């Protein structure tokens, strides 16, 4: 590789990604839910763990967002580690978050 070429690390989140995560938190807080986004580096790869819930007895939502070696965004279920979606942009990954991240599933009793 020539000396004047800089290799990009596409597995890292950008400052624009951080701003989009902050906007996601504000949106969830406006819906009267708590929301936490933890950025963690694991195995040399930056990941964001997303949690949200209301203050009821319902389980909180848990998801993990990471970037692949190609720069795509991968959204995983936080509990089962099942891949839920891949997207080319952070907006696409946020759009793929399931409804339980935004709304609690309350059971009705008969």
PDB file of N, CA and C in Angstrom:
ATOM      1  N   UNK A   1       0.849  -1.177   0.000  1.00  0.00           N
ATOM      2  CA  UNK A   1       0.000   0.000   0.000  1.00  0.00           C
ATOM      3  C   UNK A   1       0.894   1.239   0.000  1.00  0.00           C
ATOM      4  N   UNK A   2       0.602   2.223  -0.825  1.00  0.00           N
ATOM      5  CA  UNK A   2       1.407   3.447  -0.863  1.00  0.00           C
ATOM      6  C   UNK A   2       1.380   4.167   0.490  1.00  0.00           C
ATOM      7  N   UNK A   3       2.413   4.906   0.780  1.00  0.00           N
ATOM      8  CA  UNK A   3       2.531   5.587   2.072  1.00  0.00           C
ATOM      9  C   UNK A   3       1.538   6.726   2.246  1.00  0.00           C
ATOM     10  N   UNK A   4       1.077   7.319   1.175  1.00  0.00           N
ATOM     11  CA  UNK A   4       0.194   8.471   1.282  1.00  0.00           C
ATOM     12  C   UNK A   4      -1.289   8.089   1.322  1.00  0.00           C
ATOM     13  N   UNK A   5      -1.599   6.803   1.421  1.00  0.00           N
ATOM     14  CA  UNK A   5      -2.992   6.341   1.489  1.00  0.00           C
ATOM     15  C   UNK A   5      -3.318   5.997   2.940  1.00  0.00           C
ATOM     16  N   UNK A   6      -4.410   6.527   3.425  1.00  0.00           N
ATOM     17  CA  UNK A   6      -4.856   6.257   4.790  1.00  0.00           C
ATOM     18  C   UNK A   6      -5.971   5.230   4.736  1.00  0.00           C
ATOM     19  N   UNK A   7      -5.819   4.171   5.498  1.00  0.00           N
ATOM     20  CA  UNK A   7      -6.840   3.132   5.533  1.00  0.00           C
ATOM     21  C   UNK A   7      -7.944   3.555   6.515  1.00  0.00           C
ATOM     22  N   UNK A   8      -9.170   3.528   6.050  1.00  0.00           N
ATOM     23  CA  UNK A   8     -10.309   3.902   6.889  1.00  0.00           C
ATOM     24  C   UNK A   8     -10.771   2.713   7.703  1.00  0.00           C
ATOM     25  N   UNK A   9     -11.082   2.983   8.966  1.00  0.00           N
ATOM     26  CA  UNK A   9     -11.657   1.957   9.823  1.00  0.00           C
ATOM     27  C   UNK A   9     -13.174   2.132   9.771  1.00  0.00           C
ATOM     28  N   UNK A  10     -13.835   1.332   8.967  1.00  0.00           N
ATOM     29  CA  UNK A  10     -15.277   1.470   8.770  1.00  0.00           C
ATOM     30  C   UNK A  10     -16.101   0.854   9.889  1.00  0.00           C
ATOM     31  N   UNK A  11     -15.447   0.249  10.879  1.00  0.00           N
ATOM     32  CA  UNK A  11     -16.188  -0.357  11.986  1.00  0.00           C
ATOM     33  C   UNK A  11     -16.470   0.649  13.093  1.00  0.00           C
ATOM     34  N   UNK A  12     -16.005   1.887  12.968  1.00  0.00           N
ATOM     35  CA  UNK A  12     -16.200   2.920  13.990  1.00  0.00           C
ATOM     36  C   UNK A  12     -17.406   3.773  13.639  1.00  0.00           C
ATOM     37  N   UNK A  13     -18.060   4.305  14.654  1.00  0.00           N
ATOM     38  CA  UNK A  13     -19.166   5.229  14.454  1.00  0.00           C
ATOM     39  C   UNK A  13     -18.610   6.637  14.266  1.00  0.00           C
ATOM     40  N   UNK A  14     -19.297   7.420  13.466  1.00  0.00           N
ATOM     41  CA  UNK A  14     -18.860   8.778  13.160  1.00  0.00           C
ATOM     42  C   UNK A  14     -19.511   9.767  14.122  1.00  0.00           C
ATOM     43  N   UNK A  15     -19.024  11.009  14.178  1.00  0.00           N
ATOM     44  CA  UNK A  15     -19.701  12.032  14.980  1.00  0.00           C
ATOM     45  C   UNK A  15     -21.157  12.242  14.532  1.00  0.00           C
ATOM     46  N   UNK A  16     -21.434  12.108  13.245  1.00  0.00           N
ATOM     47  CA  UNK A  16     -22.817  12.239  12.758  1.00  0.00           C
ATOM     48  C   UNK A  16     -23.680  11.099  13.317  1.00  0.00           C
ATOM     49  N   UNK A  17     -23.109   9.895  13.419  1.00  0.00           N
ATOM     50  CA  UNK A  17     -23.837   8.768  14.016  1.00  0.00           C
ATOM     51  C   UNK A  17     -24.183   9.073  15.471  1.00  0.00           C
ATOM     52  N   UNK A  18     -23.243   9.667  16.200  1.00  0.00           N
ATOM     53  CA  UNK A  18     -23.475  10.013  17.612  1.00  0.00           C
ATOM     54  C   UNK A  18     -24.607  11.023  17.734  1.00  0.00           C
ATOM     55  N   UNK A  19     -24.652  11.994  16.832  1.00  0.00           N
ATOM     56  CA  UNK A  19     -25.740  12.977  16.867  1.00  0.00           C
ATOM     57  C   UNK A  19     -27.087  12.312  16.589  1.00  0.00           C
ATOM     58  N   UNK A  20     -27.113  11.330  15.689  1.00  0.00           N
ATOM     59  CA  UNK A  20     -28.368  10.632  15.391  1.00  0.00           C
ATOM     60  C   UNK A  20     -28.819   9.795  16.580  1.00  0.00           C
ATOM     61  N   UNK A  21     -27.888   9.221  17.307  1.00  0.00           N
ATOM     62  CA  UNK A  21     -28.246   8.469  18.517  1.00  0.00           C
ATOM     63  C   UNK A  21     -28.790   9.400  19.601  1.00  0.00           C
ATOM     64  N   UNK A  22     -28.204  10.588  19.719  1.00  0.00           N
ATOM     65  CA  UNK A  22     -28.718  11.579  20.676  1.00  0.00           C
ATOM     66  C   UNK A  22     -30.133  12.005  20.295  1.00  0.00           C
ATOM     67  N   UNK A  23     -30.394  12.180  19.010  1.00  0.00           N
ATOM     68  CA  UNK A  23     -31.742  12.534  18.551  1.00  0.00           C
ATOM     69  C   UNK A  23     -32.718  11.397  18.829  1.00  0.00           C
ATOM     70  N   UNK A  24     -32.270  10.157  18.667  1.00  0.00           N
ATOM     71  CA  UNK A  24     -33.118   9.001  18.987  1.00  0.00           C
ATOM     72  C   UNK A  24     -33.475   9.007  20.467  1.00  0.00           C
ATOM     73  N   UNK A  25     -32.505   9.276  21.327  1.00  0.00           N
ATOM     74  CA  UNK A  25     -32.784   9.340  22.762  1.00  0.00           C
ATOM     75  C   UNK A  25     -33.815  10.420  23.069  1.00  0.00           C
ATOM     76  N   UNK A  26     -33.649  11.605  22.506  1.00  0.00           N
ATOM     77  CA  UNK A  26     -34.612  12.689  22.755  1.00  0.00           C
ATOM     78  C   UNK A  26     -36.013  12.297  22.294  1.00  0.00           C
ATOM     79  N   UNK A  27     -36.097  11.607  21.160  1.00  0.00           N
ATOM     80  CA  UNK A  27     -37.397  11.174  20.644  1.00  0.00           C
ATOM     81  C   UNK A  27     -38.063  10.198  21.615  1.00  0.00           C
ATOM     82  N   UNK A  28     -37.296   9.235  22.110  1.00  0.00           N
ATOM     83  CA  UNK A  28     -37.860   8.241  23.030  1.00  0.00           C
ATOM     84  C   UNK A  28     -38.242   8.902  24.353  1.00  0.00           C
ATOM     85  N   UNK A  29     -37.417   9.823  24.853  1.00  0.00           N
ATOM     86  CA  UNK A  29     -37.757  10.536  26.083  1.00  0.00           C
ATOM     87  C   UNK A  29     -39.037  11.335  25.911  1.00  0.00           C
ATOM     88  N   UNK A  30     -39.257  11.913  24.727  1.00  0.00           N
ATOM     89  CA  UNK A  30     -40.481  12.671  24.466  1.00  0.00           C
ATOM     90  C   UNK A  30     -41.713  11.770  24.499  1.00  0.00           C
ATOM     91  N   UNK A  31     -41.496  10.467  24.325  1.00  0.00           N
ATOM     92  CA  UNK A  31     -42.601   9.503  24.370  1.00  0.00           C
ATOM     93  C   UNK A  31     -42.798   8.971  25.798  1.00  0.00           C
ATOM     94  N   UNK A  32     -42.184   9.643  26.765  1.00  0.00           N
ATOM     95  CA  UNK A  32     -42.285   9.287  28.188  1.00  0.00           C
ATOM     96  C   UNK A  32     -41.742   7.889  28.475  1.00  0.00           C
ATOM     97  N   UNK A  33     -40.628   7.578  27.830  1.00  0.00           N
ATOM     98  CA  UNK A  33     -39.915   6.326  28.083  1.00  0.00           C
ATOM     99  C   UNK A  33     -38.479   6.670  28.440  1.00  0.00           C
ATOM    100  N   UNK A  34     -37.837   5.800  29.161  1.00  0.00           N
ATOM    101  CA  UNK A  34     -36.413   6.004  29.420  1.00  0.00           C
ATOM    102  C   UNK A  34     -35.640   5.362  28.266  1.00  0.00           C
ATOM    103  N   UNK A  35     -34.467   5.868  28.015  1.00  0.00           N
ATOM    104  CA  UNK A  35     -33.643   5.372  26.913  1.00  0.00           C
ATOM    105  C   UNK A  35     -32.175   5.544  27.288  1.00  0.00           C
ATOM    106  N   UNK A  36     -31.400   4.513  27.000  1.00  0.00           N
ATOM    107  CA  UNK A  36     -29.968   4.561  27.272  1.00  0.00           C
ATOM    108  C   UNK A  36     -29.225   4.012  26.057  1.00  0.00           C
ATOM    109  N   UNK A  37     -28.171   4.691  25.643  1.00  0.00           N
ATOM    110  CA  UNK A  37     -27.316   4.246  24.546  1.00  0.00           C
ATOM    111  C   UNK A  37     -25.893   4.161  25.079  1.00  0.00           C
ATOM    112  N   UNK A  38     -25.352   2.963  25.151  1.00  0.00           N
ATOM    113  CA  UNK A  38     -23.999   2.745  25.648  1.00  0.00           C
ATOM    114  C   UNK A  38     -23.076   2.390  24.495  1.00  0.00           C
ATOM    115  N   UNK A  39     -22.028   3.192  24.300  1.00  0.00           N
ATOM    116  CA  UNK A  39     -21.011   2.889  23.282  1.00  0.00           C
ATOM    117  C   UNK A  39     -19.895   2.111  23.949  1.00  0.00           C
ATOM    118  N   UNK A  40     -19.632   0.916  23.436  1.00  0.00           N
ATOM    119  CA  UNK A  40     -18.644   0.024  24.030  1.00  0.00           C
ATOM    120  C   UNK A  40     -17.768  -0.526  22.926  1.00  0.00           C
ATOM    121  N   UNK A  41     -16.489  -0.664  23.220  1.00  0.00           N
ATOM    122  CA  UNK A  41     -15.592  -1.316  22.274  1.00  0.00           C
ATOM    123  C   UNK A  41     -15.358  -2.737  22.759  1.00  0.00           C
ATOM    124  N   UNK A  42     -15.653  -3.694  21.887  1.00  0.00           N
ATOM    125  CA  UNK A  42     -15.507  -5.103  22.223  1.00  0.00           C
ATOM    126  C   UNK A  42     -14.855  -5.805  21.035  1.00  0.00           C
ATOM    127  N   UNK A  43     -13.800  -6.538  21.285  1.00  0.00           N
ATOM    128  CA  UNK A  43     -13.063  -7.257  20.244  1.00  0.00           C
ATOM    129  C   UNK A  43     -12.580  -6.317  19.135  1.00  0.00           C
ATOM    130  N   UNK A  44     -12.177  -5.109  19.514  1.00  0.00           N
ATOM    131  CA  UNK A  44     -11.671  -4.156  18.540  1.00  0.00           C
ATOM    132  C   UNK A  44     -12.733  -3.523  17.664  1.00  0.00           C
ATOM    133  N   UNK A  45     -13.989  -3.724  18.008  1.00  0.00           N
ATOM    134  CA  UNK A  45     -15.108  -3.204  17.209  1.00  0.00           C
ATOM    135  C   UNK A  45     -16.002  -2.364  18.129  1.00  0.00           C
ATOM    136  N   UNK A  46     -16.333  -1.169  17.666  1.00  0.00           N
ATOM    137  CA  UNK A  46     -17.212  -0.296  18.438  1.00  0.00           C
ATOM    138  C   UNK A  46     -18.658  -0.748  18.249  1.00  0.00           C
ATOM    139  N   UNK A  47     -19.408  -0.790  19.354  1.00  0.00           N
ATOM    140  CA  UNK A  47     -20.807  -1.207  19.324  1.00  0.00           C
ATOM    141  C   UNK A  47     -21.631  -0.252  20.185  1.00  0.00           C
ATOM    142  N   UNK A  48     -22.903  -0.153  19.858  1.00  0.00           N
ATOM    143  CA  UNK A  48     -23.817   0.654  20.659  1.00  0.00           C
ATOM    144  C   UNK A  48     -24.928  -0.270  21.147  1.00  0.00           C
ATOM    145  N   UNK A  49     -25.099  -0.293  22.448  1.00  0.00           N
ATOM    146  CA  UNK A  49     -26.186  -1.050  23.048  1.00  0.00           C
ATOM    147  C   UNK A  49     -27.311  -0.075  23.333  1.00  0.00           C
ATOM    148  N   UNK A  50     -28.497  -0.371  22.823  1.00  0.00           N
ATOM    149  CA  UNK A  50     -29.667   0.494  22.946  1.00  0.00           C
ATOM    150  C   UNK A  50     -30.670  -0.157  23.890  1.00  0.00           C
ATOM    151  N   UNK A  51     -31.108   0.600  24.883  1.00  0.00           N
ATOM    152  CA  UNK A  51     -32.100   0.102  25.834  1.00  0.00           C
ATOM    153  C   UNK A  51     -33.203   1.137  25.948  1.00  0.00           C
ATOM    154  N   UNK A  52     -34.435   0.675  26.075  1.00  0.00           N
ATOM    155  CA  UNK A  52     -35.536   1.595  26.346  1.00  0.00           C
ATOM    156  C   UNK A  52     -36.645   0.849  27.075  1.00  0.00           C
ATOM    157  N   UNK A  53     -37.454   1.605  27.765  1.00  0.00           N
ATOM    158  CA  UNK A  53     -38.582   1.010  28.470  1.00  0.00           C
ATOM    159  C   UNK A  53     -39.417   2.087  29.127  1.00  0.00           C
ATOM    160  N   UNK A  54     -40.518   1.666  29.674  1.00  0.00           N
ATOM    161  CA  UNK A  54     -41.295   2.592  30.490  1.00  0.00           C
ATOM    162  C   UNK A  54     -41.092   2.154  31.937  1.00  0.00           C
ATOM    163  N   UNK A  55     -41.774   2.769  32.827  1.00  0.00           N
ATOM    164  CA  UNK A  55     -41.554   2.450  34.231  1.00  0.00           C
ATOM    165  C   UNK A  55     -42.552   1.425  34.751  1.00  0.00           C
ATOM    166  N   UNK A  56     -43.025   0.572  33.863  1.00  0.00           N
ATOM    167  CA  UNK A  56     -43.963  -0.476  34.262  1.00  0.00           C
ATOM    168  C   UNK A  56     -43.188  -1.761  34.540  1.00  0.00           C
ATOM    169  N   UNK A  57     -43.900  -2.834  34.732  1.00  0.00           N
ATOM    170  CA  UNK A  57     -43.274  -4.120  35.007  1.00  0.00           C
ATOM    171  C   UNK A  57     -42.929  -4.879  33.727  1.00  0.00           C
ATOM    172  N   UNK A  58     -43.157  -4.271  32.572  1.00  0.00           N
ATOM    173  CA  UNK A  58     -42.832  -4.903  31.303  1.00  0.00           C
ATOM    174  C   UNK A  58     -41.312  -4.926  31.109  1.00  0.00           C
ATOM    175  N   UNK A  59     -40.776  -5.964  30.467  1.00  0.00           N
ATOM    176  CA  UNK A  59     -39.322  -5.992  30.209  1.00  0.00           C
ATOM    177  C   UNK A  59     -38.914  -4.848  29.283  1.00  0.00           C
ATOM    178  N   UNK A  60     -37.719  -4.349  29.481  1.00  0.00           N
ATOM    179  CA  UNK A  60     -37.220  -3.275  28.629  1.00  0.00           C
ATOM    180  C   UNK A  60     -36.742  -3.844  27.296  1.00  0.00           C
ATOM    181  N   UNK A  61     -36.709  -2.981  26.287  1.00  0.00           N
ATOM    182  CA  UNK A  61     -36.224  -3.366  24.960  1.00  0.00           C
ATOM    183  C   UNK A  61     -34.708  -3.276  24.948  1.00  0.00           C
ATOM    184  N   UNK A  62     -34.068  -4.220  24.281  1.00  0.00           N
ATOM    185  CA  UNK A  62     -32.614  -4.267  24.240  1.00  0.00           C
ATOM    186  C   UNK A  62     -32.154  -4.633  22.824  1.00  0.00           C
ATOM    187  N   UNK A  63     -31.300  -3.782  22.242  1.00  0.00           N
ATOM    188  CA  UNK A  63     -30.784  -3.999  20.895  1.00  0.00           C
ATOM    189  C   UNK A  63     -29.317  -3.614  20.848  1.00  0.00           C
ATOM    190  N   UNK A  64     -28.601  -4.160  19.882  1.00  0.00           N
ATOM    191  CA  UNK A  64     -27.185  -3.855  19.696  1.00  0.00           C
ATOM    192  C   UNK A  64     -26.972  -3.435  18.252  1.00  0.00           C
ATOM    193  N   UNK A  65     -26.249  -2.346  18.084  1.00  0.00           N
ATOM    194  CA  UNK A  65     -25.965  -1.796  16.765  1.00  0.00           C
ATOM    195  C   UNK A  65     -24.452  -1.778  16.577  1.00  0.00           C
ATOM    196  N   UNK A  66     -23.986  -2.289  15.441  1.00  0.00           N
ATOM    197  CA  UNK A  66     -22.549  -2.250  15.150  1.00  0.00           C
ATOM    198  C   UNK A  66     -22.369  -1.980  13.662  1.00  0.00           C
ATOM    199  N   UNK A  67     -21.136  -1.668  13.298  1.00  0.00           N
ATOM    200  CA  UNK A  67     -20.799  -1.464  11.897  1.00  0.00           C
ATOM    201  C   UNK A  67     -19.978  -2.654  11.432  1.00  0.00           C
ATOM    202  N   UNK A  68     -20.255  -3.076  10.231  1.00  0.00           N
ATOM    203  CA  UNK A  68     -19.527  -4.208   9.658  1.00  0.00           C
ATOM    204  C   UNK A  68     -18.223  -3.713   9.038  1.00  0.00           C
ATOM    205  N   UNK A  69     -17.409  -4.637   8.580  1.00  0.00           N
ATOM    206  CA  UNK A  69     -16.137  -4.272   7.941  1.00  0.00           C
ATOM    207  C   UNK A  69     -16.336  -3.454   6.668  1.00  0.00           C
ATOM    208  N   UNK A  70     -17.514  -3.580   6.052  1.00  0.00           N
ATOM    209  CA  UNK A  70     -17.806  -2.824   4.831  1.00  0.00           C
ATOM    210  C   UNK A  70     -18.418  -1.461   5.119  1.00  0.00           C
ATOM    211  N   UNK A  71     -18.672  -1.146   6.392  1.00  0.00           N
ATOM    212  CA  UNK A  71     -19.254   0.134   6.758  1.00  0.00           C
ATOM    213  C   UNK A  71     -20.758   0.106   6.895  1.00  0.00           C
ATOM    214  N   UNK A  72     -21.391  -1.034   6.648  1.00  0.00           N
ATOM    215  CA  UNK A  72     -22.841  -1.149   6.825  1.00  0.00           C
ATOM    216  C   UNK A  72     -23.164  -1.209   8.317  1.00  0.00           C
ATOM    217  N   UNK A  73     -24.398  -0.922   8.657  1.00  0.00           N
ATOM    218  CA  UNK A  73     -24.862  -0.960  10.038  1.00  0.00           C
ATOM    219  C   UNK A  73     -25.660  -2.243  10.242  1.00  0.00           C
ATOM    220  N   UNK A  74     -25.389  -2.955  11.321  1.00  0.00           N
ATOM    221  CA  UNK A  74     -26.085  -4.204  11.626  1.00  0.00           C
ATOM    222  C   UNK A  74     -26.815  -4.040  12.957  1.00  0.00           C
ATOM    223  N   UNK A  75     -28.102  -4.347  12.960  1.00  0.00           N
ATOM    224  CA  UNK A  75     -28.929  -4.259  14.159  1.00  0.00           C
ATOM    225  C   UNK A  75     -29.226  -5.669  14.645  1.00  0.00           C
ATOM    226  N   UNK A  76     -28.908  -5.938  15.908  1.00  0.00           N
ATOM    227  CA  UNK A  76     -29.104  -7.256  16.505  1.00  0.00           C
ATOM    228  C   UNK A  76     -30.055  -7.146  17.697  1.00  0.00           C
ATOM    229  N   UNK A  77     -30.801  -8.205  17.948  1.00  0.00           N
ATOM    230  CA  UNK A  77     -31.583  -8.300  19.171  1.00  0.00           C
ATOM    231  C   UNK A  77     -30.594  -8.369  20.330  1.00  0.00           C
ATOM    232  N   UNK A  78     -30.833  -7.606  21.366  1.00  0.00           N
ATOM    233  CA  UNK A  78     -29.902  -7.544  22.484  1.00  0.00           C
ATOM    234  C   UNK A  78     -29.895  -8.776  23.357  1.00  0.00           C
ATOM    235  N   UNK A  79     -30.956  -9.552  23.301  1.00  0.00           N
ATOM    236  CA  UNK A  79     -31.035 -10.735  24.151  1.00  0.00           C
ATOM    237  C   UNK A  79     -30.621 -12.008  23.413  1.00  0.00           C
ATOM    238  N   UNK A  80     -31.083 -12.164  22.192  1.00  0.00           N
ATOM    239  CA  UNK A  80     -30.808 -13.403  21.459  1.00  0.00           C
ATOM    240  C   UNK A  80     -29.623 -13.277  20.501  1.00  0.00           C
ATOM    241  N   UNK A  81     -29.140 -12.054  20.269  1.00  0.00           N
ATOM    242  CA  UNK A  81     -28.056 -11.784  19.319  1.00  0.00           C
ATOM    243  C   UNK A  81     -28.445 -12.079  17.867  1.00  0.00           C
ATOM    244  N   UNK A  82     -29.722 -12.292  17.615  1.00  0.00           N
ATOM    245  CA  UNK A  82     -30.206 -12.549  16.258  1.00  0.00           C
ATOM    246  C   UNK A  82     -30.095 -11.267  15.438  1.00  0.00           C
ATOM    247  N   UNK A  83     -29.589 -11.400  14.212  1.00  0.00           N
ATOM    248  CA  UNK A  83     -29.494 -10.261  13.306  1.00  0.00           C
ATOM    249  C   UNK A  83     -30.899  -9.880  12.851  1.00  0.00           C
ATOM    250  N   UNK A  84     -31.269  -8.635  13.089  1.00  0.00           N
ATOM    251  CA  UNK A  84     -32.601  -8.157  12.703  1.00  0.00           C
ATOM    252  C   UNK A  84     -32.585  -7.419  11.375  1.00  0.00           C
ATOM    253  N   UNK A  85     -31.515  -6.657  11.125  1.00  0.00           N
ATOM    254  CA  UNK A  85     -31.467  -5.869   9.882  1.00  0.00           C
ATOM    255  C   UNK A  85     -30.049  -5.395   9.626  1.00  0.00           C
ATOM    256  N   UNK A  86     -29.775  -5.146   8.370  1.00  0.00           N
ATOM    257  CA  UNK A  86     -28.561  -4.433   7.978  1.00  0.00           C
ATOM    258  C   UNK A  86     -29.005  -3.241   7.149  1.00  0.00           C
ATOM    259  N   UNK A  87     -28.267  -2.161   7.261  1.00  0.00           N
ATOM    260  CA  UNK A  87     -28.631  -0.941   6.541  1.00  0.00           C
ATOM    261  C   UNK A  87     -27.363  -0.227   6.104  1.00  0.00           C
ATOM    262  N   UNK A  88     -27.489   0.580   5.087  1.00  0.00           N
ATOM    263  CA  UNK A  88     -26.335   1.331   4.588  1.00  0.00           C
ATOM    264  C   UNK A  88     -26.088   2.592   5.405  1.00  0.00           C
ATOM    265  N   UNK A  89     -27.123   3.071   6.116  1.00  0.00           N
ATOM    266  CA  UNK A  89     -26.994   4.308   6.890  1.00  0.00           C
ATOM    267  C   UNK A  89     -27.484   4.090   8.313  1.00  0.00           C
ATOM    268  N   UNK A  90     -27.099   4.996   9.198  1.00  0.00           N
ATOM    269  CA  UNK A  90     -27.576   4.955  10.581  1.00  0.00           C
ATOM    270  C   UNK A  90     -29.088   5.151  10.620  1.00  0.00           C
ATOM    271  N   UNK A  91     -29.613   6.015   9.751  1.00  0.00           N
ATOM    272  CA  UNK A  91     -31.070   6.216   9.697  1.00  0.00           C
ATOM    273  C   UNK A  91     -31.789   4.923   9.350  1.00  0.00           C
ATOM    274  N   UNK A  92     -31.252   4.159   8.419  1.00  0.00           N
ATOM    275  CA  UNK A  92     -31.856   2.886   8.052  1.00  0.00           C
ATOM    276  C   UNK A  92     -31.855   1.907   9.210  1.00  0.00           C
ATOM    277  N   UNK A  93     -30.785   1.898   9.988  1.00  0.00           N
ATOM    278  CA  UNK A  93     -30.716   1.007  11.150  1.00  0.00           C
ATOM    279  C   UNK A  93     -31.713   1.439  12.224  1.00  0.00           C
ATOM    280  N   UNK A  94     -31.826   2.737  12.454  1.00  0.00           N
ATOM    281  CA  UNK A  94     -32.790   3.240  13.444  1.00  0.00           C
ATOM    282  C   UNK A  94     -34.211   2.942  12.989  1.00  0.00           C
ATOM    283  N   UNK A  95     -34.481   3.082  11.700  1.00  0.00           N
ATOM    284  CA  UNK A  95     -35.814   2.776  11.176  1.00  0.00           C
ATOM    285  C   UNK A  95     -36.171   1.301  11.349  1.00  0.00           C
ATOM    286  N   UNK A  96     -35.162   0.439  11.449  1.00  0.00           N
ATOM    287  CA  UNK A  96     -35.405  -1.005  11.595  1.00  0.00           C
ATOM    288  C   UNK A  96     -35.665  -1.424  13.045  1.00  0.00           C
ATOM    289  N   UNK A  97     -35.538  -0.484  13.993  1.00  0.00           N
ATOM    290  CA  UNK A  97     -35.813  -0.841  15.389  1.00  0.00           C
ATOM    291  C   UNK A  97     -37.267  -1.295  15.520  1.00  0.00           C
ATOM    292  N   UNK A  98     -37.513  -2.423  16.159  1.00  0.00           N
ATOM    293  CA  UNK A  98     -38.893  -2.894  16.336  1.00  0.00           C
ATOM    294  C   UNK A  98     -39.716  -1.952  17.216  1.00  0.00           C
ATOM    295  N   UNK A  99     -41.021  -2.108  17.143  1.00  0.00           N
ATOM    296  CA  UNK A  99     -41.938  -1.220  17.865  1.00  0.00           C
ATOM    297  C   UNK A  99     -41.744  -1.239  19.369  1.00  0.00           C
ATOM    298  N   UNK A 100     -41.277  -2.377  19.930  1.00  0.00           N
ATOM    299  CA  UNK A 100     -41.149  -2.420  21.384  1.00  0.00           C
ATOM    300  C   UNK A 100     -40.069  -1.474  21.910  1.00  0.00           C
ATOM    301  N   UNK A 101     -39.237  -0.942  21.023  1.00  0.00           N
ATOM    302  CA  UNK A 101     -38.273   0.062  21.456  1.00  0.00           C
ATOM    303  C   UNK A 101     -38.982   1.377  21.774  1.00  0.00           C
ATOM    304  N   UNK A 102     -40.090   1.627  21.111  1.00  0.00           N
ATOM    305  CA  UNK A 102     -40.826   2.879  21.273  1.00  0.00           C
ATOM    306  C   UNK A 102     -42.088   2.744  22.116  1.00  0.00           C
ATOM    307  N   UNK A 103     -42.702   1.573  22.101  1.00  0.00           N
ATOM    308  CA  UNK A 103     -43.989   1.375  22.774  1.00  0.00           C
ATOM    309  C   UNK A 103     -43.952   0.094  23.606  1.00  0.00           C
ATOM    310  N   UNK A 104     -44.546   0.158  24.787  1.00  0.00           N
ATOM    311  CA  UNK A 104     -44.623  -1.034  25.636  1.00  0.00           C
ATOM    312  C   UNK A 104     -45.785  -1.905  25.185  1.00  0.00           C
ATOM    313  N   UNK A 105     -45.593  -3.201  25.282  1.00  0.00           N
ATOM    314  CA  UNK A 105     -46.665  -4.136  24.976  1.00  0.00           C
ATOM    315  C   UNK A 105     -47.337  -4.529  26.269  1.00  0.00           C
ATOM    316  N   UNK A 106     -48.434  -3.876  26.566  1.00  0.00           N
ATOM    317  CA  UNK A 106     -49.159  -4.170  27.798  1.00  0.00           C
ATOM    318  C   UNK A 106     -50.185  -5.262  27.529  1.00  0.00           C
ATOM    319  N   UNK A 107     -50.173  -6.220  28.392  1.00  0.00           N
ATOM    320  CA  UNK A 107     -51.152  -7.313  28.251  1.00  0.00           C
ATOM    321  C   UNK A 107     -52.444  -6.926  28.961  1.00  0.00           C
ATOM    322  N   UNK A 108     -53.533  -7.268  28.340  1.00  0.00           N
ATOM    323  CA  UNK A 108     -54.829  -7.036  28.986  1.00  0.00           C
ATOM    324  C   UNK A 108     -55.255  -8.338  29.649  1.00  0.00           C
ATOM    325  N   UNK A 109     -55.815  -8.214  30.811  1.00  0.00           N
ATOM    326  CA  UNK A 109     -56.283  -9.410  31.517  1.00  0.00           C
ATOM    327  C   UNK A 109     -57.791  -9.472  31.421  1.00  0.00           C
ATOM    328  N   UNK A 110     -58.290 -10.658  31.238  1.00  0.00           N
ATOM    329  CA  UNK A 110     -59.747 -10.828  31.110  1.00  0.00           C
ATOM    330  C   UNK A 110     -60.317 -11.385  32.372  1.00  0.00           C
TER     331      UNK A 110
END
